[in-house]
Amino acid sequence: MIGGQITQSIAIRPTGPIGMLGVRSHPFGTQPLLKLPMDSLAGETVNAADLLGSAAADTVERLMTAGGVEARFDVVESFLLQLLHRANAVDPLARASIDALTTSHGAVAVHRLAADLQVSPRHLNRVLRRQVGLGAKSFARIMRLQFAPKAVRNGEATTLTDAACAAGYFDQAHFIRGFRAFCGTSPGRLIGERHVLADAFA
């Protein structure tokens, strides 16, 4: 499967034993490989073979018969290297804007970011939707939401209130409302339970 930019929480409820191997790309890293407008995949999960044809189908078959985790890593790495060999160059505006939003934990205003990059906010958003799958404001919101719980876990903030303030929220209630809307649970519960998959996507 290939999933676009996640726009809401995902609940995984297996009905039996499963194995899972996932690859998470940089926000601007998938579009050069797929050569598709990423906003068409935002919030969606599609069969890899539908997008990448027989090469993806063959990779799935090799994964199913690979002997062990390391062998599966080798199969996926080989497939990704094939895609990388014919990939487009990363859009420099997408790279610069995502780097700025990531470094600031989403605290930079869109109009200021656009001015710093010498483009209009409209053009910036158009490029980000095509290259990443989200506009600048939506991506900044994700960065802000991710920063607060990570700050608590890493010891950079003592409480969720401190972390929420550091992330630019008006108050803790504002932070919790935004977190619930996007993640489907409270930040305190997510941090307390230490979900392995939640950590992986943070």
N, C-alpha and C. Protein backbone atom coordinates (compact mmCIF):
# COMPACT_ATOMS: atom_id res chain seq x y z
N MET A 1 0.84 -1.19 0.00
CA MET A 1 0.00 0.00 0.00
C MET A 1 0.87 1.24 0.00
N ILE A 2 0.34 2.30 -0.58
CA ILE A 2 0.99 3.61 -0.53
C ILE A 2 0.00 4.59 0.06
N GLY A 3 0.41 5.26 1.11
CA GLY A 3 -0.47 6.22 1.77
C GLY A 3 0.03 7.63 1.55
N GLY A 4 -0.90 8.55 1.31
CA GLY A 4 -0.54 9.95 1.19
C GLY A 4 -0.37 10.60 2.54
N GLN A 5 -0.22 11.91 2.56
CA GLN A 5 -0.05 12.65 3.80
C GLN A 5 -1.25 12.38 4.71
N ILE A 6 -0.98 11.95 5.94
CA ILE A 6 -2.04 11.63 6.88
C ILE A 6 -2.71 12.92 7.36
N THR A 7 -4.02 12.95 7.33
CA THR A 7 -4.75 14.14 7.73
C THR A 7 -5.64 13.91 8.95
N GLN A 8 -5.67 12.67 9.46
CA GLN A 8 -6.43 12.38 10.66
C GLN A 8 -5.89 11.10 11.29
N SER A 9 -6.35 10.78 12.48
CA SER A 9 -5.84 9.60 13.18
C SER A 9 -6.26 8.32 12.46
N ILE A 10 -5.44 7.29 12.62
CA ILE A 10 -5.71 5.99 12.02
C ILE A 10 -5.77 4.94 13.12
N ALA A 11 -6.85 4.20 13.19
CA ALA A 11 -6.98 3.11 14.16
C ALA A 11 -6.74 1.79 13.43
N ILE A 12 -5.75 1.03 13.90
CA ILE A 12 -5.42 -0.27 13.31
C ILE A 12 -5.86 -1.35 14.27
N ARG A 13 -6.81 -2.17 13.85
CA ARG A 13 -7.35 -3.22 14.71
C ARG A 13 -7.23 -4.58 13.99
N PRO A 14 -6.09 -5.25 14.15
CA PRO A 14 -5.92 -6.54 13.49
C PRO A 14 -6.85 -7.60 14.07
N THR A 15 -7.27 -8.52 13.23
CA THR A 15 -8.14 -9.61 13.68
C THR A 15 -7.36 -10.90 13.93
N GLY A 16 -6.05 -10.83 13.75
CA GLY A 16 -5.19 -11.99 13.98
C GLY A 16 -3.74 -11.57 13.89
N PRO A 17 -2.82 -12.52 13.96
CA PRO A 17 -1.39 -12.17 13.87
C PRO A 17 -1.07 -11.51 12.52
N ILE A 18 -0.29 -10.45 12.56
CA ILE A 18 0.08 -9.75 11.33
C ILE A 18 1.57 -9.41 11.36
N GLY A 19 2.11 -9.12 10.20
CA GLY A 19 3.45 -8.56 10.09
C GLY A 19 3.34 -7.25 9.35
N MET A 20 4.13 -6.27 9.74
CA MET A 20 4.04 -4.96 9.10
C MET A 20 5.45 -4.41 8.87
N LEU A 21 5.67 -3.91 7.68
CA LEU A 21 6.91 -3.23 7.35
C LEU A 21 6.54 -1.93 6.66
N GLY A 22 6.95 -0.84 7.23
CA GLY A 22 6.56 0.45 6.67
C GLY A 22 7.76 1.32 6.35
N VAL A 23 7.59 2.20 5.40
CA VAL A 23 8.61 3.16 5.03
C VAL A 23 7.99 4.55 5.10
N ARG A 24 8.58 5.42 5.87
CA ARG A 24 8.09 6.79 5.96
C ARG A 24 9.07 7.71 5.25
N SER A 25 8.59 8.46 4.31
CA SER A 25 9.47 9.36 3.57
C SER A 25 9.43 10.75 4.18
N HIS A 26 10.39 11.57 3.78
CA HIS A 26 10.38 12.97 4.14
C HIS A 26 9.14 13.60 3.50
N PRO A 27 8.57 14.65 4.10
CA PRO A 27 7.36 15.25 3.51
C PRO A 27 7.46 15.56 2.03
N PHE A 28 8.62 16.00 1.56
CA PHE A 28 8.75 16.28 0.13
C PHE A 28 9.43 15.14 -0.62
N GLY A 29 9.57 13.97 0.02
CA GLY A 29 10.32 12.89 -0.59
C GLY A 29 9.54 11.94 -1.46
N THR A 30 8.22 11.89 -1.33
CA THR A 30 7.43 10.92 -2.07
C THR A 30 7.11 11.37 -3.49
N GLN A 31 6.82 12.65 -3.66
CA GLN A 31 6.41 13.14 -4.98
C GLN A 31 7.46 12.89 -6.06
N PRO A 32 8.75 13.11 -5.79
CA PRO A 32 9.74 12.81 -6.84
C PRO A 32 9.78 11.34 -7.25
N LEU A 33 9.42 10.44 -6.33
CA LEU A 33 9.40 9.02 -6.64
C LEU A 33 8.16 8.62 -7.43
N LEU A 34 7.00 9.14 -7.01
CA LEU A 34 5.74 8.75 -7.65
C LEU A 34 5.42 9.60 -8.87
N LYS A 35 5.93 10.85 -8.88
CA LYS A 35 5.66 11.78 -9.98
C LYS A 35 4.16 12.05 -10.13
N LEU A 36 3.50 12.17 -8.99
CA LEU A 36 2.06 12.47 -8.96
C LEU A 36 1.83 13.68 -8.07
N PRO A 37 0.75 14.45 -8.31
CA PRO A 37 0.40 15.52 -7.37
C PRO A 37 -0.02 14.91 -6.04
N MET A 38 0.68 15.22 -4.98
CA MET A 38 0.47 14.54 -3.71
C MET A 38 -0.85 14.89 -3.04
N ASP A 39 -1.47 16.02 -3.43
CA ASP A 39 -2.78 16.32 -2.85
C ASP A 39 -3.83 15.33 -3.32
N SER A 40 -3.58 14.62 -4.42
CA SER A 40 -4.52 13.59 -4.87
C SER A 40 -4.47 12.35 -3.98
N LEU A 41 -3.41 12.23 -3.17
CA LEU A 41 -3.27 11.07 -2.27
C LEU A 41 -3.44 11.43 -0.80
N ALA A 42 -3.61 12.71 -0.48
CA ALA A 42 -3.73 13.13 0.91
C ALA A 42 -4.88 12.42 1.60
N GLY A 43 -4.58 11.78 2.71
CA GLY A 43 -5.61 11.06 3.47
C GLY A 43 -6.05 9.77 2.83
N GLU A 44 -5.39 9.33 1.76
CA GLU A 44 -5.80 8.14 1.04
C GLU A 44 -4.73 7.05 1.14
N THR A 45 -5.16 5.80 1.01
CA THR A 45 -4.26 4.65 0.93
C THR A 45 -4.66 3.83 -0.29
N VAL A 46 -3.71 3.57 -1.17
CA VAL A 46 -4.01 2.88 -2.42
C VAL A 46 -3.06 1.69 -2.59
N ASN A 47 -3.46 0.76 -3.43
CA ASN A 47 -2.63 -0.39 -3.75
C ASN A 47 -1.40 0.09 -4.52
N ALA A 48 -0.22 -0.32 -4.06
CA ALA A 48 1.02 0.14 -4.70
C ALA A 48 1.07 -0.24 -6.17
N ALA A 49 0.55 -1.42 -6.51
CA ALA A 49 0.59 -1.87 -7.90
C ALA A 49 -0.27 -0.98 -8.80
N ASP A 50 -1.32 -0.37 -8.24
CA ASP A 50 -2.17 0.51 -9.05
C ASP A 50 -1.41 1.77 -9.48
N LEU A 51 -0.43 2.17 -8.67
CA LEU A 51 0.35 3.37 -8.99
C LEU A 51 1.66 3.05 -9.71
N LEU A 52 2.27 1.93 -9.34
CA LEU A 52 3.62 1.65 -9.82
C LEU A 52 3.72 0.39 -10.67
N GLY A 53 2.59 -0.26 -10.92
CA GLY A 53 2.56 -1.37 -11.85
C GLY A 53 3.22 -2.64 -11.38
N SER A 54 3.74 -3.41 -12.35
CA SER A 54 4.25 -4.75 -12.09
C SER A 54 5.45 -4.75 -11.15
N ALA A 55 6.25 -3.69 -11.15
CA ALA A 55 7.41 -3.64 -10.27
C ALA A 55 6.98 -3.71 -8.81
N ALA A 56 5.89 -3.01 -8.46
CA ALA A 56 5.38 -3.05 -7.10
C ALA A 56 4.79 -4.41 -6.79
N ALA A 57 4.07 -4.99 -7.74
CA ALA A 57 3.47 -6.31 -7.53
C ALA A 57 4.56 -7.36 -7.32
N ASP A 58 5.63 -7.28 -8.10
CA ASP A 58 6.74 -8.22 -7.93
C ASP A 58 7.41 -8.05 -6.58
N THR A 59 7.51 -6.81 -6.12
CA THR A 59 8.12 -6.55 -4.81
C THR A 59 7.30 -7.16 -3.70
N VAL A 60 5.99 -7.07 -3.81
CA VAL A 60 5.11 -7.68 -2.81
C VAL A 60 5.32 -9.19 -2.77
N GLU A 61 5.41 -9.82 -3.92
CA GLU A 61 5.65 -11.26 -3.97
C GLU A 61 6.98 -11.63 -3.32
N ARG A 62 8.01 -10.83 -3.57
CA ARG A 62 9.31 -11.10 -2.96
C ARG A 62 9.27 -10.90 -1.45
N LEU A 63 8.50 -9.93 -1.00
CA LEU A 63 8.35 -9.71 0.44
C LEU A 63 7.69 -10.90 1.11
N MET A 64 6.68 -11.46 0.45
CA MET A 64 5.94 -12.58 1.03
C MET A 64 6.81 -13.83 1.18
N THR A 65 7.80 -13.97 0.33
CA THR A 65 8.63 -15.18 0.36
C THR A 65 10.01 -14.93 0.97
N ALA A 66 10.31 -13.68 1.35
CA ALA A 66 11.61 -13.37 1.93
C ALA A 66 11.76 -14.06 3.29
N GLY A 67 12.96 -14.51 3.58
CA GLY A 67 13.18 -15.23 4.84
C GLY A 67 13.71 -14.34 5.95
N GLY A 68 12.83 -13.69 6.65
CA GLY A 68 13.24 -12.88 7.79
C GLY A 68 13.17 -11.39 7.54
N VAL A 69 13.29 -10.64 8.63
CA VAL A 69 13.12 -9.19 8.58
C VAL A 69 14.21 -8.53 7.74
N GLU A 70 15.45 -8.92 7.93
CA GLU A 70 16.54 -8.29 7.19
C GLU A 70 16.38 -8.50 5.70
N ALA A 71 15.93 -9.69 5.31
CA ALA A 71 15.72 -9.96 3.89
C ALA A 71 14.61 -9.08 3.33
N ARG A 72 13.59 -8.83 4.12
CA ARG A 72 12.50 -7.96 3.68
C ARG A 72 12.98 -6.52 3.53
N PHE A 73 13.83 -6.08 4.46
CA PHE A 73 14.42 -4.75 4.32
C PHE A 73 15.19 -4.63 3.01
N ASP A 74 15.94 -5.67 2.68
CA ASP A 74 16.73 -5.65 1.44
C ASP A 74 15.83 -5.54 0.22
N VAL A 75 14.68 -6.25 0.25
CA VAL A 75 13.75 -6.21 -0.87
C VAL A 75 13.19 -4.80 -1.05
N VAL A 76 12.76 -4.20 0.05
CA VAL A 76 12.19 -2.85 -0.02
C VAL A 76 13.24 -1.83 -0.44
N GLU A 77 14.44 -1.96 0.11
CA GLU A 77 15.50 -1.03 -0.25
C GLU A 77 15.83 -1.11 -1.74
N SER A 78 15.86 -2.32 -2.28
CA SER A 78 16.14 -2.49 -3.71
C SER A 78 15.06 -1.83 -4.55
N PHE A 79 13.81 -1.98 -4.14
CA PHE A 79 12.69 -1.37 -4.88
C PHE A 79 12.77 0.15 -4.83
N LEU A 80 13.06 0.70 -3.65
CA LEU A 80 13.14 2.16 -3.51
C LEU A 80 14.31 2.72 -4.31
N LEU A 81 15.41 1.99 -4.37
CA LEU A 81 16.55 2.45 -5.16
C LEU A 81 16.21 2.49 -6.65
N GLN A 82 15.39 1.55 -7.09
CA GLN A 82 14.94 1.57 -8.49
C GLN A 82 14.12 2.83 -8.76
N LEU A 83 13.23 3.16 -7.83
CA LEU A 83 12.42 4.37 -7.99
C LEU A 83 13.30 5.61 -7.93
N LEU A 84 14.28 5.60 -7.03
CA LEU A 84 15.15 6.76 -6.87
C LEU A 84 15.98 7.02 -8.13
N HIS A 85 16.33 5.94 -8.82
CA HIS A 85 17.17 6.06 -10.01
C HIS A 85 16.49 6.90 -11.09
N ARG A 86 15.14 6.85 -11.15
CA ARG A 86 14.42 7.58 -12.19
C ARG A 86 13.59 8.72 -11.60
N ALA A 87 13.86 9.08 -10.34
CA ALA A 87 13.06 10.09 -9.65
C ALA A 87 13.32 11.49 -10.18
N ASN A 88 12.31 12.34 -10.02
CA ASN A 88 12.48 13.76 -10.31
C ASN A 88 13.34 14.41 -9.23
N ALA A 89 13.86 15.57 -9.53
CA ALA A 89 14.57 16.35 -8.52
C ALA A 89 13.56 16.92 -7.52
N VAL A 90 13.99 17.09 -6.28
CA VAL A 90 13.13 17.69 -5.26
C VAL A 90 12.92 19.17 -5.59
N ASP A 91 11.68 19.62 -5.52
CA ASP A 91 11.37 21.02 -5.77
C ASP A 91 12.05 21.88 -4.71
N PRO A 92 12.90 22.83 -5.10
CA PRO A 92 13.64 23.62 -4.11
C PRO A 92 12.75 24.47 -3.21
N LEU A 93 11.62 24.95 -3.72
CA LEU A 93 10.71 25.73 -2.90
C LEU A 93 10.05 24.84 -1.85
N ALA A 94 9.67 23.63 -2.24
CA ALA A 94 9.08 22.69 -1.28
C ALA A 94 10.10 22.35 -0.19
N ARG A 95 11.34 22.10 -0.59
CA ARG A 95 12.37 21.77 0.40
C ARG A 95 12.59 22.93 1.38
N ALA A 96 12.73 24.13 0.86
CA ALA A 96 13.02 25.28 1.71
C ALA A 96 11.87 25.58 2.67
N SER A 97 10.63 25.50 2.17
CA SER A 97 9.48 25.82 3.02
C SER A 97 9.26 24.75 4.08
N ILE A 98 9.41 23.48 3.71
CA ILE A 98 9.24 22.41 4.69
C ILE A 98 10.34 22.47 5.74
N ASP A 99 11.56 22.74 5.33
CA ASP A 99 12.65 22.88 6.29
C ASP A 99 12.35 24.01 7.28
N ALA A 100 11.83 25.12 6.78
CA ALA A 100 11.52 26.26 7.65
C ALA A 100 10.39 25.92 8.62
N LEU A 101 9.35 25.27 8.13
CA LEU A 101 8.23 24.91 8.98
C LEU A 101 8.62 23.86 10.01
N THR A 102 9.48 22.93 9.62
CA THR A 102 9.92 21.89 10.54
C THR A 102 10.82 22.47 11.62
N THR A 103 11.76 23.29 11.22
CA THR A 103 12.71 23.88 12.17
C THR A 103 12.00 24.77 13.19
N SER A 104 10.98 25.48 12.74
CA SER A 104 10.25 26.38 13.64
C SER A 104 9.13 25.68 14.39
N HIS A 105 8.97 24.36 14.18
CA HIS A 105 7.87 23.60 14.77
C HIS A 105 6.51 24.19 14.38
N GLY A 106 6.42 24.72 13.15
CA GLY A 106 5.16 25.25 12.65
C GLY A 106 4.82 26.63 13.17
N ALA A 107 5.78 27.30 13.80
CA ALA A 107 5.46 28.59 14.43
C ALA A 107 5.53 29.77 13.46
N VAL A 108 6.13 29.59 12.29
CA VAL A 108 6.25 30.69 11.35
C VAL A 108 4.94 30.90 10.59
N ALA A 109 4.52 32.14 10.45
CA ALA A 109 3.28 32.46 9.74
C ALA A 109 3.47 32.25 8.24
N VAL A 110 2.40 31.84 7.57
CA VAL A 110 2.49 31.53 6.14
C VAL A 110 2.90 32.75 5.33
N HIS A 111 2.31 33.91 5.62
CA HIS A 111 2.65 35.11 4.84
C HIS A 111 4.10 35.51 5.05
N ARG A 112 4.61 35.30 6.27
CA ARG A 112 6.02 35.62 6.53
C ARG A 112 6.93 34.63 5.82
N LEU A 113 6.57 33.36 5.85
CA LEU A 113 7.36 32.34 5.17
C LEU A 113 7.41 32.62 3.67
N ALA A 114 6.25 32.96 3.09
CA ALA A 114 6.21 33.26 1.66
C ALA A 114 7.08 34.46 1.33
N ALA A 115 7.03 35.49 2.18
CA ALA A 115 7.85 36.67 1.95
C ALA A 115 9.33 36.34 2.02
N ASP A 116 9.71 35.52 3.01
CA ASP A 116 11.11 35.12 3.15
C ASP A 116 11.61 34.36 1.92
N LEU A 117 10.70 33.59 1.31
CA LEU A 117 11.07 32.78 0.14
C LEU A 117 10.82 33.53 -1.17
N GLN A 118 10.32 34.76 -1.05
CA GLN A 118 10.11 35.64 -2.21
C GLN A 118 9.10 35.07 -3.21
N VAL A 119 8.02 34.53 -2.66
CA VAL A 119 6.90 34.06 -3.48
C VAL A 119 5.61 34.52 -2.81
N SER A 120 4.51 34.42 -3.53
CA SER A 120 3.22 34.76 -2.93
C SER A 120 2.72 33.59 -2.09
N PRO A 121 1.91 33.87 -1.05
CA PRO A 121 1.33 32.77 -0.27
C PRO A 121 0.54 31.79 -1.14
N ARG A 122 -0.14 32.30 -2.15
CA ARG A 122 -0.91 31.43 -3.04
C ARG A 122 0.00 30.46 -3.79
N HIS A 123 1.11 30.97 -4.31
CA HIS A 123 2.05 30.11 -5.03
C HIS A 123 2.69 29.10 -4.09
N LEU A 124 3.03 29.54 -2.90
CA LEU A 124 3.62 28.63 -1.91
C LEU A 124 2.67 27.48 -1.60
N ASN A 125 1.42 27.79 -1.36
CA ASN A 125 0.44 26.75 -1.05
C ASN A 125 0.22 25.80 -2.23
N ARG A 126 0.22 26.35 -3.44
CA ARG A 126 0.03 25.52 -4.62
C ARG A 126 1.18 24.51 -4.76
N VAL A 127 2.38 24.98 -4.54
CA VAL A 127 3.55 24.09 -4.64
C VAL A 127 3.52 23.03 -3.54
N LEU A 128 3.19 23.42 -2.33
CA LEU A 128 3.18 22.47 -1.22
C LEU A 128 2.08 21.42 -1.39
N ARG A 129 0.93 21.83 -1.88
CA ARG A 129 -0.13 20.84 -2.09
C ARG A 129 0.30 19.82 -3.14
N ARG A 130 0.97 20.29 -4.18
CA ARG A 130 1.40 19.37 -5.23
C ARG A 130 2.56 18.48 -4.76
N GLN A 131 3.49 19.05 -4.02
CA GLN A 131 4.70 18.32 -3.65
C GLN A 131 4.56 17.53 -2.36
N VAL A 132 3.71 18.01 -1.43
CA VAL A 132 3.59 17.40 -0.10
C VAL A 132 2.22 16.80 0.15
N GLY A 133 1.19 17.48 -0.35
CA GLY A 133 -0.17 17.00 -0.13
C GLY A 133 -0.99 17.91 0.77
N LEU A 134 -0.36 18.89 1.39
CA LEU A 134 -1.04 19.83 2.26
C LEU A 134 -0.54 21.24 2.00
N GLY A 135 -1.40 22.22 2.30
CA GLY A 135 -0.96 23.60 2.25
C GLY A 135 -0.08 23.93 3.44
N ALA A 136 0.51 25.10 3.43
CA ALA A 136 1.46 25.49 4.47
C ALA A 136 0.81 25.55 5.85
N LYS A 137 -0.39 26.09 5.93
CA LYS A 137 -1.05 26.22 7.24
C LYS A 137 -1.36 24.85 7.84
N SER A 138 -1.84 23.91 7.04
CA SER A 138 -2.15 22.58 7.54
C SER A 138 -0.88 21.85 7.97
N PHE A 139 0.19 21.99 7.18
CA PHE A 139 1.43 21.34 7.56
C PHE A 139 2.00 21.95 8.84
N ALA A 140 1.91 23.27 8.97
CA ALA A 140 2.39 23.93 10.18
C ALA A 140 1.62 23.44 11.40
N ARG A 141 0.34 23.22 11.24
CA ARG A 141 -0.48 22.73 12.35
C ARG A 141 0.01 21.36 12.82
N ILE A 142 0.36 20.51 11.88
CA ILE A 142 0.89 19.19 12.24
C ILE A 142 2.21 19.33 13.00
N MET A 143 3.08 20.21 12.53
CA MET A 143 4.36 20.41 13.20
C MET A 143 4.16 20.90 14.63
N ARG A 144 3.19 21.78 14.84
CA ARG A 144 2.92 22.28 16.18
C ARG A 144 2.38 21.18 17.08
N LEU A 145 1.48 20.37 16.55
CA LEU A 145 0.91 19.29 17.33
C LEU A 145 1.96 18.26 17.71
N GLN A 146 2.89 17.99 16.82
CA GLN A 146 3.92 17.00 17.10
C GLN A 146 4.96 17.52 18.10
N PHE A 147 5.19 18.82 18.07
CA PHE A 147 6.25 19.36 18.90
C PHE A 147 5.95 19.24 20.39
N ALA A 148 4.73 19.54 20.81
CA ALA A 148 4.41 19.60 22.23
C ALA A 148 4.62 18.27 22.96
N PRO A 149 4.03 17.15 22.51
CA PRO A 149 4.28 15.89 23.24
C PRO A 149 5.73 15.43 23.16
N LYS A 150 6.40 15.70 22.04
CA LYS A 150 7.81 15.32 21.94
C LYS A 150 8.66 16.13 22.93
N ALA A 151 8.29 17.38 23.14
CA ALA A 151 9.03 18.21 24.08
C ALA A 151 8.92 17.66 25.50
N VAL A 152 7.74 17.13 25.86
CA VAL A 152 7.55 16.53 27.18
C VAL A 152 8.37 15.25 27.29
N ARG A 153 8.28 14.40 26.26
CA ARG A 153 9.00 13.13 26.30
C ARG A 153 10.50 13.33 26.35
N ASN A 154 11.00 14.35 25.65
CA ASN A 154 12.44 14.58 25.58
C ASN A 154 12.97 15.42 26.75
N GLY A 155 12.07 15.82 27.63
CA GLY A 155 12.50 16.61 28.78
C GLY A 155 12.69 18.08 28.50
N GLU A 156 12.24 18.54 27.31
CA GLU A 156 12.38 19.95 26.97
C GLU A 156 11.30 20.80 27.63
N ALA A 157 10.23 20.18 28.08
CA ALA A 157 9.15 20.87 28.78
C ALA A 157 8.71 19.99 29.95
N THR A 158 8.35 20.62 31.05
CA THR A 158 7.99 19.86 32.24
C THR A 158 6.55 19.37 32.19
N THR A 159 5.65 20.19 31.70
CA THR A 159 4.24 19.85 31.64
C THR A 159 3.71 20.07 30.23
N LEU A 160 2.52 19.53 29.99
CA LEU A 160 1.86 19.76 28.70
C LEU A 160 1.53 21.24 28.52
N THR A 161 1.23 21.93 29.61
CA THR A 161 0.94 23.36 29.52
C THR A 161 2.16 24.11 29.02
N ASP A 162 3.33 23.80 29.58
CA ASP A 162 4.57 24.44 29.13
C ASP A 162 4.84 24.11 27.66
N ALA A 163 4.63 22.84 27.29
CA ALA A 163 4.88 22.42 25.92
C ALA A 163 3.92 23.11 24.96
N ALA A 164 2.65 23.23 25.36
CA ALA A 164 1.66 23.88 24.50
C ALA A 164 2.02 25.35 24.28
N CYS A 165 2.47 26.01 25.34
CA CYS A 165 2.88 27.41 25.20
C CYS A 165 4.09 27.53 24.29
N ALA A 166 5.05 26.62 24.46
CA ALA A 166 6.25 26.65 23.62
C ALA A 166 5.91 26.42 22.15
N ALA A 167 4.84 25.64 21.91
CA ALA A 167 4.43 25.36 20.53
C ALA A 167 3.57 26.46 19.94
N GLY A 168 3.25 27.48 20.74
CA GLY A 168 2.53 28.63 20.21
C GLY A 168 1.02 28.60 20.42
N TYR A 169 0.52 27.71 21.28
CA TYR A 169 -0.91 27.67 21.54
C TYR A 169 -1.27 28.72 22.59
N PHE A 170 -2.51 29.22 22.51
CA PHE A 170 -2.95 30.25 23.44
C PHE A 170 -3.00 29.73 24.87
N ASP A 171 -3.48 28.49 25.02
CA ASP A 171 -3.55 27.86 26.33
C ASP A 171 -3.63 26.35 26.14
N GLN A 172 -3.64 25.62 27.25
CA GLN A 172 -3.65 24.17 27.17
C GLN A 172 -4.94 23.65 26.54
N ALA A 173 -6.07 24.30 26.85
CA ALA A 173 -7.35 23.86 26.29
C ALA A 173 -7.34 23.96 24.77
N HIS A 174 -6.78 25.05 24.24
CA HIS A 174 -6.66 25.23 22.79
C HIS A 174 -5.83 24.11 22.19
N PHE A 175 -4.73 23.76 22.85
CA PHE A 175 -3.86 22.69 22.39
C PHE A 175 -4.59 21.34 22.40
N ILE A 176 -5.29 21.04 23.49
CA ILE A 176 -5.98 19.75 23.62
C ILE A 176 -7.07 19.61 22.57
N ARG A 177 -7.83 20.68 22.30
CA ARG A 177 -8.87 20.62 21.28
C ARG A 177 -8.26 20.30 19.91
N GLY A 178 -7.19 20.99 19.56
CA GLY A 178 -6.54 20.73 18.29
C GLY A 178 -5.96 19.33 18.20
N PHE A 179 -5.40 18.87 19.32
CA PHE A 179 -4.80 17.53 19.35
C PHE A 179 -5.86 16.45 19.17
N ARG A 180 -6.97 16.60 19.89
CA ARG A 180 -8.06 15.61 19.76
C ARG A 180 -8.62 15.58 18.35
N ALA A 181 -8.76 16.75 17.74
CA ALA A 181 -9.34 16.81 16.39
C ALA A 181 -8.46 16.09 15.38
N PHE A 182 -7.16 16.15 15.58
CA PHE A 182 -6.25 15.55 14.61
C PHE A 182 -5.85 14.12 14.97
N CYS A 183 -5.64 13.87 16.25
CA CYS A 183 -5.09 12.57 16.68
C CYS A 183 -6.13 11.61 17.25
N GLY A 184 -7.34 12.09 17.54
CA GLY A 184 -8.38 11.20 18.02
C GLY A 184 -8.27 10.84 19.49
N THR A 185 -7.37 11.46 20.24
CA THR A 185 -7.22 11.20 21.66
C THR A 185 -6.56 12.41 22.30
N SER A 186 -6.46 12.39 23.62
CA SER A 186 -5.82 13.52 24.31
C SER A 186 -4.31 13.35 24.29
N PRO A 187 -3.57 14.46 24.35
CA PRO A 187 -2.10 14.35 24.35
C PRO A 187 -1.59 13.61 25.57
N GLY A 188 -2.23 13.81 26.72
CA GLY A 188 -1.79 13.12 27.93
C GLY A 188 -1.90 11.61 27.80
N ARG A 189 -2.98 11.15 27.19
CA ARG A 189 -3.16 9.71 27.03
C ARG A 189 -2.16 9.14 26.04
N LEU A 190 -1.93 9.85 24.95
CA LEU A 190 -1.00 9.35 23.96
C LEU A 190 0.42 9.27 24.53
N ILE A 191 0.82 10.27 25.28
CA ILE A 191 2.14 10.27 25.87
C ILE A 191 2.25 9.17 26.94
N GLY A 192 1.19 9.03 27.73
CA GLY A 192 1.21 8.04 28.80
C GLY A 192 1.29 6.61 28.30
N GLU A 193 0.59 6.32 27.20
CA GLU A 193 0.55 4.96 26.69
C GLU A 193 1.77 4.61 25.85
N ARG A 194 2.49 5.63 25.35
CA ARG A 194 3.69 5.41 24.57
C ARG A 194 3.47 4.45 23.41
N HIS A 195 2.47 4.74 22.59
CA HIS A 195 2.19 3.90 21.43
C HIS A 195 3.42 3.83 20.53
N VAL A 196 3.80 2.62 20.16
CA VAL A 196 4.97 2.45 19.30
C VAL A 196 4.75 3.10 17.94
N LEU A 197 3.58 2.87 17.34
CA LEU A 197 3.32 3.46 16.02
C LEU A 197 3.17 4.96 16.11
N ALA A 198 2.58 5.45 17.18
CA ALA A 198 2.45 6.90 17.34
C ALA A 198 3.84 7.54 17.44
N ASP A 199 4.75 6.89 18.14
CA ASP A 199 6.11 7.40 18.24
C ASP A 199 6.77 7.40 16.86
N ALA A 200 6.51 6.36 16.08
CA ALA A 200 7.16 6.23 14.78
C ALA A 200 6.74 7.34 13.83
N PHE A 201 5.51 7.82 13.94
CA PHE A 201 5.00 8.83 13.02
C PHE A 201 5.14 10.24 13.59
N ALA A 202 5.70 10.39 14.78
CA ALA A 202 5.85 11.72 15.37
C ALA A 202 7.04 12.44 14.77
